[in-house]
Amino acid sequence: MARKAPHPDLVDLHVHSSASDGMFPPREVVREAAEVGLKALALTDHDTTAGVPEALAAGEEFGIEVIPGVEVSAEFADGACHILGYFVDPADAGLVGMLDAAREARDKRNDEILCRLRDAGVDLTMDDLTRGRLCDTLTRAHFATALVAKGLVANWEEAFDTYLGRGKPAYVPRRRVEPEAAIAAIRGAGGLAALAHPRQLNRSLAETEEWIARFADAGIEAVEVSTPDHTANFARHYGEIVQRLGLVSTGGTDWHGRPDSPVQLGLGRGQMAVHYTVVEEMKARLAARGRK
């Protein structure tokens, strides 16, 4: 394959495949990353590492470093966050057990969402959600996609505003995974834990710093500073927090491969450039913990 190289050391550390709510199988995600010219990517599917073996094999095939990862959905008393795990052992018993429990809870929640949608006059089936694809983790994104595909809403935003968002007719709370438990499982699997898109904590900057400090006490070593979700101003503030707390500043596009999204793999909305030095810094932290 003739690889493009817009930036010889560009990386994307937050990418999804069809193992969760991405559009493409892991191999195709890696192939796309190679075509874009990335040096490395992290496959971080929601609550599953099922796509990691295929992605690693594709990395060998296409000449791109694949970082085995995961994105764990966590909730606390009055909020929620996503914890990213990098360089995890996808077969680690503790991590697999936590993710299995999370998916079982998702399955029960998805059944309840289907029931509530039917009560609201919306007829969806499980096949509508998977569209014939093998998928290890079904999320509300699958519901939104199915609603759009059946012409019941115009887009994802309307799907959440009308049916799926908090307080809407088909909203069902999920079994809580505490952030500290997610961090411990990631570290137990030999990985490095990072807080994804801190703006989604929906807190003031001062409160966000308090939460990041709490997570750092629990073992978080990095924060996703560069992301399409952050304006330059937010990224600057979060970068200052990361620096004060002595953490690693990471970045990723949260790419799902959706054709209706302006987010590009590795580039976000065109303004992102996360460099391989971030990967090297994470590796150095893991080496200092005795992980090779």
C-alpha atoms as a PDB file:
ATOM      1  CA  MET A   1       0.000   0.000   0.000  1.00  0.00           C
ATOM      2  CA  ALA A   2       1.260   3.464  -0.903  1.00  0.00           C
ATOM      3  CA  ARG A   3       0.864   5.405   2.337  1.00  0.00           C
ATOM      4  CA  LYS A   4       0.231   9.109   2.479  1.00  0.00           C
ATOM      5  CA  ALA A   5       2.296  11.021   5.037  1.00  0.00           C
ATOM      6  CA  PRO A   6       0.829  14.453   5.778  1.00  0.00           C
ATOM      7  CA  HIS A   7       2.601  14.309   9.148  1.00  0.00           C
ATOM      8  CA  PRO A   8       5.276  11.628   9.560  1.00  0.00           C
ATOM      9  CA  ASP A   9       4.544  11.189  13.287  1.00  0.00           C
ATOM     10  CA  LEU A  10       0.781  11.838  13.490  1.00  0.00           C
ATOM     11  CA  VAL A  11      -1.270   9.591  15.800  1.00  0.00           C
ATOM     12  CA  ASP A  12      -4.915   9.187  16.788  1.00  0.00           C
ATOM     13  CA  LEU A  13      -5.468   7.826  20.290  1.00  0.00           C
ATOM     14  CA  HIS A  14      -9.262   7.550  20.339  1.00  0.00           C
ATOM     15  CA  VAL A  15     -10.790   5.449  17.547  1.00  0.00           C
ATOM     16  CA  HIS A  16     -13.814   3.120  17.361  1.00  0.00           C
ATOM     17  CA  SER A  17     -14.639   0.112  15.208  1.00  0.00           C
ATOM     18  CA  SER A  18     -17.718  -2.013  14.596  1.00  0.00           C
ATOM     19  CA  ALA A  19     -16.772  -4.034  17.678  1.00  0.00           C
ATOM     20  CA  SER A  20     -18.701  -1.262  19.440  1.00  0.00           C
ATOM     21  CA  ASP A  21     -20.360   1.691  17.724  1.00  0.00           C
ATOM     22  CA  GLY A  22     -17.939   2.435  14.892  1.00  0.00           C
ATOM     23  CA  MET A  23     -18.943   1.968  11.270  1.00  0.00           C
ATOM     24  CA  PHE A  24     -16.010  -0.172  10.074  1.00  0.00           C
ATOM     25  CA  PRO A  25     -14.440  -3.483  11.148  1.00  0.00           C
ATOM     26  CA  PRO A  26     -11.092  -3.148  12.967  1.00  0.00           C
ATOM     27  CA  ARG A  27      -9.051  -4.146   9.901  1.00  0.00           C
ATOM     28  CA  GLU A  28     -10.709  -1.453   7.806  1.00  0.00           C
ATOM     29  CA  VAL A  29     -10.125   1.141  10.524  1.00  0.00           C
ATOM     30  CA  VAL A  30      -6.407   0.344  10.502  1.00  0.00           C
ATOM     31  CA  ARG A  31      -6.294   0.353   6.711  1.00  0.00           C
ATOM     32  CA  GLU A  32      -7.918   3.797   6.713  1.00  0.00           C
ATOM     33  CA  ALA A  33      -5.384   5.033   9.260  1.00  0.00           C
ATOM     34  CA  ALA A  34      -2.544   3.816   7.057  1.00  0.00           C
ATOM     35  CA  GLU A  35      -4.042   5.553   4.031  1.00  0.00           C
ATOM     36  CA  VAL A  36      -4.356   8.787   6.005  1.00  0.00           C
ATOM     37  CA  GLY A  37      -0.687   8.464   6.938  1.00  0.00           C
ATOM     38  CA  LEU A  38      -0.881   7.907  10.661  1.00  0.00           C
ATOM     39  CA  LYS A  39       2.098   6.434  12.468  1.00  0.00           C
ATOM     40  CA  ALA A  40      -0.041   4.933  15.235  1.00  0.00           C
ATOM     41  CA  LEU A  41      -3.613   4.613  16.423  1.00  0.00           C
ATOM     42  CA  ALA A  42      -5.307   3.309  19.532  1.00  0.00           C
ATOM     43  CA  LEU A  43      -8.397   1.160  19.081  1.00  0.00           C
ATOM     44  CA  THR A  44     -10.616   2.207  21.995  1.00  0.00           C
ATOM     45  CA  ASP A  45     -13.987   0.547  21.569  1.00  0.00           C
ATOM     46  CA  HIS A  46     -16.683   0.996  24.213  1.00  0.00           C
ATOM     47  CA  ASP A  47     -16.441  -1.579  26.992  1.00  0.00           C
ATOM     48  CA  THR A  48     -14.791  -4.215  24.808  1.00  0.00           C
ATOM     49  CA  THR A  49     -11.389  -5.303  23.530  1.00  0.00           C
ATOM     50  CA  ALA A  50     -12.911  -7.760  21.056  1.00  0.00           C
ATOM     51  CA  GLY A  51     -11.584  -5.850  18.041  1.00  0.00           C
ATOM     52  CA  VAL A  52      -8.008  -5.585  19.296  1.00  0.00           C
ATOM     53  CA  PRO A  53      -6.595  -8.876  17.880  1.00  0.00           C
ATOM     54  CA  GLU A  54      -7.878  -8.073  14.387  1.00  0.00           C
ATOM     55  CA  ALA A  55      -6.537  -4.525  14.641  1.00  0.00           C
ATOM     56  CA  LEU A  56      -3.105  -5.719  15.775  1.00  0.00           C
ATOM     57  CA  ALA A  57      -2.902  -8.130  12.848  1.00  0.00           C
ATOM     58  CA  ALA A  58      -3.941  -5.335  10.492  1.00  0.00           C
ATOM     59  CA  GLY A  59      -1.232  -3.128  11.963  1.00  0.00           C
ATOM     60  CA  GLU A  60       1.348  -5.705  10.914  1.00  0.00           C
ATOM     61  CA  GLU A  61      -0.257  -5.927   7.483  1.00  0.00           C
ATOM     62  CA  PHE A  62      -0.429  -2.191   6.810  1.00  0.00           C
ATOM     63  CA  GLY A  63       2.670  -1.044   8.649  1.00  0.00           C
ATOM     64  CA  ILE A  64       1.071   1.034  11.395  1.00  0.00           C
ATOM     65  CA  GLU A  65       1.492   0.741  15.159  1.00  0.00           C
ATOM     66  CA  VAL A  66      -1.748  -0.291  16.847  1.00  0.00           C
ATOM     67  CA  ILE A  67      -2.115   0.409  20.549  1.00  0.00           C
ATOM     68  CA  PRO A  68      -4.502  -2.044  22.232  1.00  0.00           C
ATOM     69  CA  GLY A  69      -7.048   0.038  24.081  1.00  0.00           C
ATOM     70  CA  VAL A  70     -10.555   0.359  25.472  1.00  0.00           C
ATOM     71  CA  GLU A  71     -13.006   3.088  26.487  1.00  0.00           C
ATOM     72  CA  VAL A  72     -14.860   2.330  29.722  1.00  0.00           C
ATOM     73  CA  SER A  73     -18.122   4.123  30.459  1.00  0.00           C
ATOM     74  CA  ALA A  74     -18.065   5.172  34.118  1.00  0.00           C
ATOM     75  CA  GLU A  75     -20.561   6.968  36.326  1.00  0.00           C
ATOM     76  CA  PHE A  76     -20.437   8.554  39.761  1.00  0.00           C
ATOM     77  CA  ALA A  77     -23.020  10.055  42.101  1.00  0.00           C
ATOM     78  CA  ASP A  78     -23.873  13.103  40.014  1.00  0.00           C
ATOM     79  CA  GLY A  79     -22.159  12.627  36.703  1.00  0.00           C
ATOM     80  CA  ALA A  80     -20.452  10.400  34.175  1.00  0.00           C
ATOM     81  CA  CYS A  81     -17.138  10.133  32.365  1.00  0.00           C
ATOM     82  CA  HIS A  82     -15.252   7.883  29.982  1.00  0.00           C
ATOM     83  CA  ILE A  83     -11.943   6.314  30.970  1.00  0.00           C
ATOM     84  CA  LEU A  84      -9.561   5.317  28.184  1.00  0.00           C
ATOM     85  CA  GLY A  85      -7.110   2.458  28.646  1.00  0.00           C
ATOM     86  CA  TYR A  86      -3.921   2.266  26.560  1.00  0.00           C
ATOM     87  CA  PHE A  87      -1.544  -0.683  26.106  1.00  0.00           C
ATOM     88  CA  VAL A  88      -3.914  -3.021  27.952  1.00  0.00           C
ATOM     89  CA  ASP A  89      -3.684  -6.787  27.848  1.00  0.00           C
ATOM     90  CA  PRO A  90      -7.013  -7.602  26.144  1.00  0.00           C
ATOM     91  CA  ALA A  91      -7.049 -11.054  27.771  1.00  0.00           C
ATOM     92  CA  ASP A  92      -6.496  -9.845  31.346  1.00  0.00           C
ATOM     93  CA  ALA A  93      -9.043 -11.623  33.569  1.00  0.00           C
ATOM     94  CA  GLY A  94      -9.829  -8.611  35.752  1.00  0.00           C
ATOM     95  CA  LEU A  95     -10.404  -6.291  32.810  1.00  0.00           C
ATOM     96  CA  VAL A  96     -12.386  -8.888  30.857  1.00  0.00           C
ATOM     97  CA  GLY A  97     -14.580  -9.575  33.879  1.00  0.00           C
ATOM     98  CA  MET A  98     -15.401  -5.910  34.368  1.00  0.00           C
ATOM     99  CA  LEU A  99     -16.142  -5.425  30.664  1.00  0.00           C
ATOM    100  CA  ASP A 100     -18.301  -8.556  30.528  1.00  0.00           C
ATOM    101  CA  ALA A 101     -20.363  -7.256  33.448  1.00  0.00           C
ATOM    102  CA  ALA A 102     -20.691  -3.869  31.768  1.00  0.00           C
ATOM    103  CA  ARG A 103     -21.899  -5.473  28.530  1.00  0.00           C
ATOM    104  CA  GLU A 104     -24.405  -7.655  30.366  1.00  0.00           C
ATOM    105  CA  ALA A 105     -25.783  -4.502  31.947  1.00  0.00           C
ATOM    106  CA  ARG A 106     -25.890  -2.866  28.518  1.00  0.00           C
ATOM    107  CA  ASP A 107     -27.814  -5.841  27.112  1.00  0.00           C
ATOM    108  CA  LYS A 108     -30.482  -5.494  29.802  1.00  0.00           C
ATOM    109  CA  ARG A 109     -30.611  -1.759  29.244  1.00  0.00           C
ATOM    110  CA  ASN A 110     -30.958  -2.211  25.480  1.00  0.00           C
ATOM    111  CA  ASP A 111     -33.899  -4.571  25.949  1.00  0.00           C
ATOM    112  CA  GLU A 112     -35.576  -1.982  28.162  1.00  0.00           C
ATOM    113  CA  ILE A 113     -34.890   0.803  25.627  1.00  0.00           C
ATOM    114  CA  LEU A 114     -36.537  -1.311  22.908  1.00  0.00           C
ATOM    115  CA  CYS A 115     -39.569  -1.800  25.149  1.00  0.00           C
ATOM    116  CA  ARG A 116     -39.829   1.894  25.906  1.00  0.00           C
ATOM    117  CA  LEU A 117     -39.528   2.807  22.239  1.00  0.00           C
ATOM    118  CA  ARG A 118     -42.352   0.401  21.411  1.00  0.00           C
ATOM    119  CA  ASP A 119     -44.433   1.974  24.180  1.00  0.00           C
ATOM    120  CA  ALA A 120     -43.771   5.299  22.449  1.00  0.00           C
ATOM    121  CA  GLY A 121     -45.021   3.865  19.145  1.00  0.00           C
ATOM    122  CA  VAL A 122     -41.579   3.195  17.631  1.00  0.00           C
ATOM    123  CA  ASP A 123     -41.057  -0.333  16.305  1.00  0.00           C
ATOM    124  CA  LEU A 124     -37.380  -1.320  16.314  1.00  0.00           C
ATOM    125  CA  THR A 125     -35.886  -4.804  16.492  1.00  0.00           C
ATOM    126  CA  MET A 126     -32.476  -6.044  17.527  1.00  0.00           C
ATOM    127  CA  ASP A 127     -31.723  -6.730  13.864  1.00  0.00           C
ATOM    128  CA  ASP A 128     -32.437  -3.067  13.107  1.00  0.00           C
ATOM    129  CA  LEU A 129     -29.720  -2.179  15.608  1.00  0.00           C
ATOM    130  CA  THR A 130     -27.021  -4.496  14.329  1.00  0.00           C
ATOM    131  CA  ARG A 131     -27.937  -4.296  10.630  1.00  0.00           C
ATOM    132  CA  GLY A 132     -26.492  -7.765  10.224  1.00  0.00           C
ATOM    133  CA  ARG A 133     -23.076  -6.732  11.599  1.00  0.00           C
ATOM    134  CA  LEU A 134     -21.202  -8.605  14.295  1.00  0.00           C
ATOM    135  CA  CYS A 135     -21.039  -6.186  17.201  1.00  0.00           C
ATOM    136  CA  ASP A 136     -19.674  -6.915  20.664  1.00  0.00           C
ATOM    137  CA  THR A 137     -21.171  -3.829  22.303  1.00  0.00           C
ATOM    138  CA  LEU A 138     -24.459  -2.140  21.429  1.00  0.00           C
ATOM    139  CA  THR A 139     -24.821   1.473  22.520  1.00  0.00           C
ATOM    140  CA  ARG A 140     -27.413   4.218  22.183  1.00  0.00           C
ATOM    141  CA  ALA A 141     -25.556   5.197  19.012  1.00  0.00           C
ATOM    142  CA  HIS A 142     -26.922   2.032  17.385  1.00  0.00           C
ATOM    143  CA  PHE A 143     -30.443   3.082  18.359  1.00  0.00           C
ATOM    144  CA  ALA A 144     -29.874   6.552  16.914  1.00  0.00           C
ATOM    145  CA  THR A 145     -28.510   5.097  13.662  1.00  0.00           C
ATOM    146  CA  ALA A 146     -31.483   2.720  13.356  1.00  0.00           C
ATOM    147  CA  LEU A 147     -33.960   5.543  13.972  1.00  0.00           C
ATOM    148  CA  VAL A 148     -32.335   7.598  11.222  1.00  0.00           C
ATOM    149  CA  ALA A 149     -32.195   4.613   8.839  1.00  0.00           C
ATOM    150  CA  LYS A 150     -35.927   3.984   9.266  1.00  0.00           C
ATOM    151  CA  GLY A 151     -36.716   7.642   8.628  1.00  0.00           C
ATOM    152  CA  LEU A 152     -38.151   8.157  12.108  1.00  0.00           C
ATOM    153  CA  VAL A 153     -35.781  11.047  12.878  1.00  0.00           C
ATOM    154  CA  ALA A 154     -33.617  13.239  10.685  1.00  0.00           C
ATOM    155  CA  ASN A 155     -30.314  12.765  12.509  1.00  0.00           C
ATOM    156  CA  TRP A 156     -28.604  11.578  15.698  1.00  0.00           C
ATOM    157  CA  GLU A 157     -29.288  14.859  17.478  1.00  0.00           C
ATOM    158  CA  GLU A 158     -33.023  14.496  16.938  1.00  0.00           C
ATOM    159  CA  ALA A 159     -32.867  10.851  18.046  1.00  0.00           C
ATOM    160  CA  PHE A 160     -31.386  11.825  21.393  1.00  0.00           C
ATOM    161  CA  ASP A 161     -33.501  14.958  21.794  1.00  0.00           C
ATOM    162  CA  THR A 162     -36.712  13.053  21.080  1.00  0.00           C
ATOM    163  CA  TYR A 163     -36.164   9.555  22.460  1.00  0.00           C
ATOM    164  CA  LEU A 164     -32.768   8.567  23.831  1.00  0.00           C
ATOM    165  CA  GLY A 165     -31.380  11.456  25.869  1.00  0.00           C
ATOM    166  CA  ARG A 166     -31.588  11.762  29.629  1.00  0.00           C
ATOM    167  CA  GLY A 167     -35.195  12.430  30.663  1.00  0.00           C
ATOM    168  CA  LYS A 168     -36.620  11.354  27.277  1.00  0.00           C
ATOM    169  CA  PRO A 169     -39.169   8.520  26.809  1.00  0.00           C
ATOM    170  CA  ALA A 170     -36.653   5.770  25.994  1.00  0.00           C
ATOM    171  CA  TYR A 171     -33.853   6.832  28.329  1.00  0.00           C
ATOM    172  CA  VAL A 172     -32.757   4.047  30.688  1.00  0.00           C
ATOM    173  CA  PRO A 173     -29.938   4.572  33.211  1.00  0.00           C
ATOM    174  CA  ARG A 174     -27.051   2.145  32.999  1.00  0.00           C
ATOM    175  CA  ARG A 175     -25.462   0.029  35.730  1.00  0.00           C
ATOM    176  CA  ARG A 176     -22.802   2.177  37.304  1.00  0.00           C
ATOM    177  CA  VAL A 177     -19.089   1.427  36.924  1.00  0.00           C
ATOM    178  CA  GLU A 178     -17.171   3.702  39.268  1.00  0.00           C
ATOM    179  CA  PRO A 179     -14.264   5.589  37.650  1.00  0.00           C
ATOM    180  CA  GLU A 180     -11.880   4.251  40.284  1.00  0.00           C
ATOM    181  CA  ALA A 181     -12.874   0.670  39.430  1.00  0.00           C
ATOM    182  CA  ALA A 182     -12.295   1.320  35.716  1.00  0.00           C
ATOM    183  CA  ILE A 183      -8.893   2.862  36.424  1.00  0.00           C
ATOM    184  CA  ALA A 184      -7.897  -0.056  38.652  1.00  0.00           C
ATOM    185  CA  ALA A 185      -8.946  -2.606  36.010  1.00  0.00           C
ATOM    186  CA  ILE A 186      -6.971  -0.818  33.294  1.00  0.00           C
ATOM    187  CA  ARG A 187      -3.860  -0.620  35.459  1.00  0.00           C
ATOM    188  CA  GLY A 188      -4.343  -4.230  36.509  1.00  0.00           C
ATOM    189  CA  ALA A 189      -4.281  -5.152  32.811  1.00  0.00           C
ATOM    190  CA  GLY A 190      -0.894  -3.464  32.495  1.00  0.00           C
ATOM    191  CA  GLY A 191      -2.339  -0.363  30.877  1.00  0.00           C
ATOM    192  CA  LEU A 192      -2.226   3.381  31.282  1.00  0.00           C
ATOM    193  CA  ALA A 193      -5.526   5.088  32.166  1.00  0.00           C
ATOM    194  CA  ALA A 194      -6.614   8.432  30.707  1.00  0.00           C
ATOM    195  CA  LEU A 195      -9.660  10.652  31.103  1.00  0.00           C
ATOM    196  CA  ALA A 196     -11.461  11.119  27.775  1.00  0.00           C
ATOM    197  CA  HIS A 197     -12.863  14.506  26.643  1.00  0.00           C
ATOM    198  CA  PRO A 198     -13.003  16.229  30.085  1.00  0.00           C
ATOM    199  CA  ARG A 199     -15.394  18.877  28.763  1.00  0.00           C
ATOM    200  CA  GLN A 200     -18.093  16.203  28.871  1.00  0.00           C
ATOM    201  CA  LEU A 201     -17.868  16.202  32.646  1.00  0.00           C
ATOM    202  CA  ASN A 202     -20.029  19.329  32.298  1.00  0.00           C
ATOM    203  CA  ARG A 203     -18.244  21.056  35.173  1.00  0.00           C
ATOM    204  CA  SER A 204     -16.583  24.424  35.620  1.00  0.00           C
ATOM    205  CA  LEU A 205     -12.834  24.478  35.046  1.00  0.00           C
ATOM    206  CA  ALA A 206     -12.199  24.580  38.788  1.00  0.00           C
ATOM    207  CA  GLU A 207     -14.513  21.616  39.403  1.00  0.00           C
ATOM    208  CA  THR A 208     -12.999  19.755  36.456  1.00  0.00           C
ATOM    209  CA  GLU A 209      -9.540  20.172  37.956  1.00  0.00           C
ATOM    210  CA  GLU A 210     -10.809  18.789  41.261  1.00  0.00           C
ATOM    211  CA  TRP A 211     -12.214  15.724  39.495  1.00  0.00           C
ATOM    212  CA  ILE A 212      -9.044  15.175  37.474  1.00  0.00           C
ATOM    213  CA  ALA A 213      -7.022  15.405  40.679  1.00  0.00           C
ATOM    214  CA  ARG A 214      -9.325  12.815  42.254  1.00  0.00           C
ATOM    215  CA  PHE A 215      -8.869  10.528  39.265  1.00  0.00           C
ATOM    216  CA  ALA A 216      -5.089  11.079  39.392  1.00  0.00           C
ATOM    217  CA  ASP A 217      -5.109   9.945  43.022  1.00  0.00           C
ATOM    218  CA  ALA A 218      -6.856   6.780  41.796  1.00  0.00           C
ATOM    219  CA  GLY A 219      -4.226   6.144  39.109  1.00  0.00           C
ATOM    220  CA  ILE A 220      -5.143   8.218  36.040  1.00  0.00           C
ATOM    221  CA  GLU A 221      -1.923   9.194  34.260  1.00  0.00           C
ATOM    222  CA  ALA A 222      -3.221  11.127  31.250  1.00  0.00           C
ATOM    223  CA  VAL A 223      -5.999  13.421  30.049  1.00  0.00           C
ATOM    224  CA  GLU A 224      -7.346  13.802  26.529  1.00  0.00           C
ATOM    225  CA  VAL A 225      -6.665  17.476  25.865  1.00  0.00           C
ATOM    226  CA  SER A 226      -6.730  17.586  22.062  1.00  0.00           C
ATOM    227  CA  THR A 227     -10.124  16.464  20.722  1.00  0.00           C
ATOM    228  CA  PRO A 228     -12.778  17.841  18.339  1.00  0.00           C
ATOM    229  CA  ASP A 229     -14.957  18.355  21.428  1.00  0.00           C
ATOM    230  CA  HIS A 230     -12.591  21.057  22.729  1.00  0.00           C
ATOM    231  CA  THR A 231     -12.152  24.574  21.430  1.00  0.00           C
ATOM    232  CA  ALA A 232      -8.632  25.981  21.474  1.00  0.00           C
ATOM    233  CA  ASN A 233      -9.509  27.814  24.686  1.00  0.00           C
ATOM    234  CA  PHE A 234     -10.726  24.670  26.451  1.00  0.00           C
ATOM    235  CA  ALA A 235      -7.695  22.722  25.230  1.00  0.00           C
ATOM    236  CA  ARG A 236      -5.393  25.404  26.649  1.00  0.00           C
ATOM    237  CA  HIS A 237      -7.111  25.332  30.043  1.00  0.00           C
ATOM    238  CA  TYR A 238      -7.105  21.532  30.217  1.00  0.00           C
ATOM    239  CA  GLY A 239      -3.460  21.485  29.154  1.00  0.00           C
ATOM    240  CA  GLU A 240      -2.615  23.801  32.048  1.00  0.00           C
ATOM    241  CA  ILE A 241      -4.466  21.511  34.470  1.00  0.00           C
ATOM    242  CA  VAL A 242      -2.588  18.487  33.123  1.00  0.00           C
ATOM    243  CA  GLN A 243       0.720  20.287  33.504  1.00  0.00           C
ATOM    244  CA  ARG A 244      -0.022  21.322  37.081  1.00  0.00           C
ATOM    245  CA  LEU A 245      -0.939  17.753  38.008  1.00  0.00           C
ATOM    246  CA  GLY A 246       2.040  16.201  36.222  1.00  0.00           C
ATOM    247  CA  LEU A 247      -0.016  14.093  33.814  1.00  0.00           C
ATOM    248  CA  VAL A 248       0.363  13.240  30.120  1.00  0.00           C
ATOM    249  CA  SER A 249      -1.531  15.388  27.607  1.00  0.00           C
ATOM    250  CA  THR A 250      -3.054  13.069  25.002  1.00  0.00           C
ATOM    251  CA  GLY A 251      -5.409  13.516  22.072  1.00  0.00           C
ATOM    252  CA  GLY A 252      -7.761  11.677  19.768  1.00  0.00           C
ATOM    253  CA  THR A 253     -10.623  12.297  17.392  1.00  0.00           C
ATOM    254  CA  ASP A 254     -13.201   9.879  18.868  1.00  0.00           C
ATOM    255  CA  TRP A 255     -13.609   8.761  15.237  1.00  0.00           C
ATOM    256  CA  HIS A 256     -16.495   6.424  14.428  1.00  0.00           C
ATOM    257  CA  GLY A 257     -16.348   6.596  10.624  1.00  0.00           C
ATOM    258  CA  ARG A 258     -19.836   8.056  10.302  1.00  0.00           C
ATOM    259  CA  PRO A 259     -20.396   9.530   6.819  1.00  0.00           C
ATOM    260  CA  ASP A 260     -22.479  12.387   8.239  1.00  0.00           C
ATOM    261  CA  SER A 261     -19.753  13.475  10.688  1.00  0.00           C
ATOM    262  CA  PRO A 262     -17.217  16.225   9.891  1.00  0.00           C
ATOM    263  CA  VAL A 263     -14.619  14.505  12.087  1.00  0.00           C
ATOM    264  CA  GLN A 264     -11.691  13.077  10.117  1.00  0.00           C
ATOM    265  CA  LEU A 265      -9.471  10.260  11.336  1.00  0.00           C
ATOM    266  CA  GLY A 266      -6.297  11.751  12.805  1.00  0.00           C
ATOM    267  CA  LEU A 267      -7.266  15.336  11.992  1.00  0.00           C
ATOM    268  CA  GLY A 268     -10.544  15.988  13.793  1.00  0.00           C
ATOM    269  CA  ARG A 269     -12.198  18.896  12.065  1.00  0.00           C
ATOM    270  CA  GLY A 270      -8.906  19.655  10.350  1.00  0.00           C
ATOM    271  CA  GLN A 271      -7.200  21.411  13.234  1.00  0.00           C
ATOM    272  CA  MET A 272      -5.730  18.497  15.196  1.00  0.00           C
ATOM    273  CA  ALA A 273      -2.162  17.221  15.183  1.00  0.00           C
ATOM    274  CA  VAL A 274      -1.281  14.778  17.971  1.00  0.00           C
ATOM    275  CA  HIS A 275       2.301  13.613  17.644  1.00  0.00           C
ATOM    276  CA  TYR A 276       4.067  10.341  18.392  1.00  0.00           C
ATOM    277  CA  THR A 277       5.948  11.935  21.286  1.00  0.00           C
ATOM    278  CA  VAL A 278       2.712  11.412  23.286  1.00  0.00           C
ATOM    279  CA  VAL A 279       2.958   7.664  22.696  1.00  0.00           C
ATOM    280  CA  GLU A 280       6.611   7.724  23.720  1.00  0.00           C
ATOM    281  CA  GLU A 281       5.738   9.559  26.936  1.00  0.00           C
ATOM    282  CA  MET A 282       3.086   6.973  27.780  1.00  0.00           C
ATOM    283  CA  LYS A 283       5.525   4.158  27.083  1.00  0.00           C
ATOM    284  CA  ALA A 284       8.078   5.807  29.362  1.00  0.00           C
ATOM    285  CA  ARG A 285       5.511   5.934  32.173  1.00  0.00           C
ATOM    286  CA  LEU A 286       4.685   2.273  31.721  1.00  0.00           C
ATOM    287  CA  ALA A 287       8.393   1.383  31.666  1.00  0.00           C
ATOM    288  CA  ALA A 288       8.860   3.266  34.927  1.00  0.00           C
ATOM    289  CA  ARG A 289       6.172   0.993  36.408  1.00  0.00           C
ATOM    290  CA  GLY A 290       8.050  -2.031  35.195  1.00  0.00           C
ATOM    291  CA  ARG A 291       5.829  -2.675  32.166  1.00  0.00           C
ATOM    292  CA  LYS A 292       7.802  -3.402  28.987  1.00  0.00           C
END
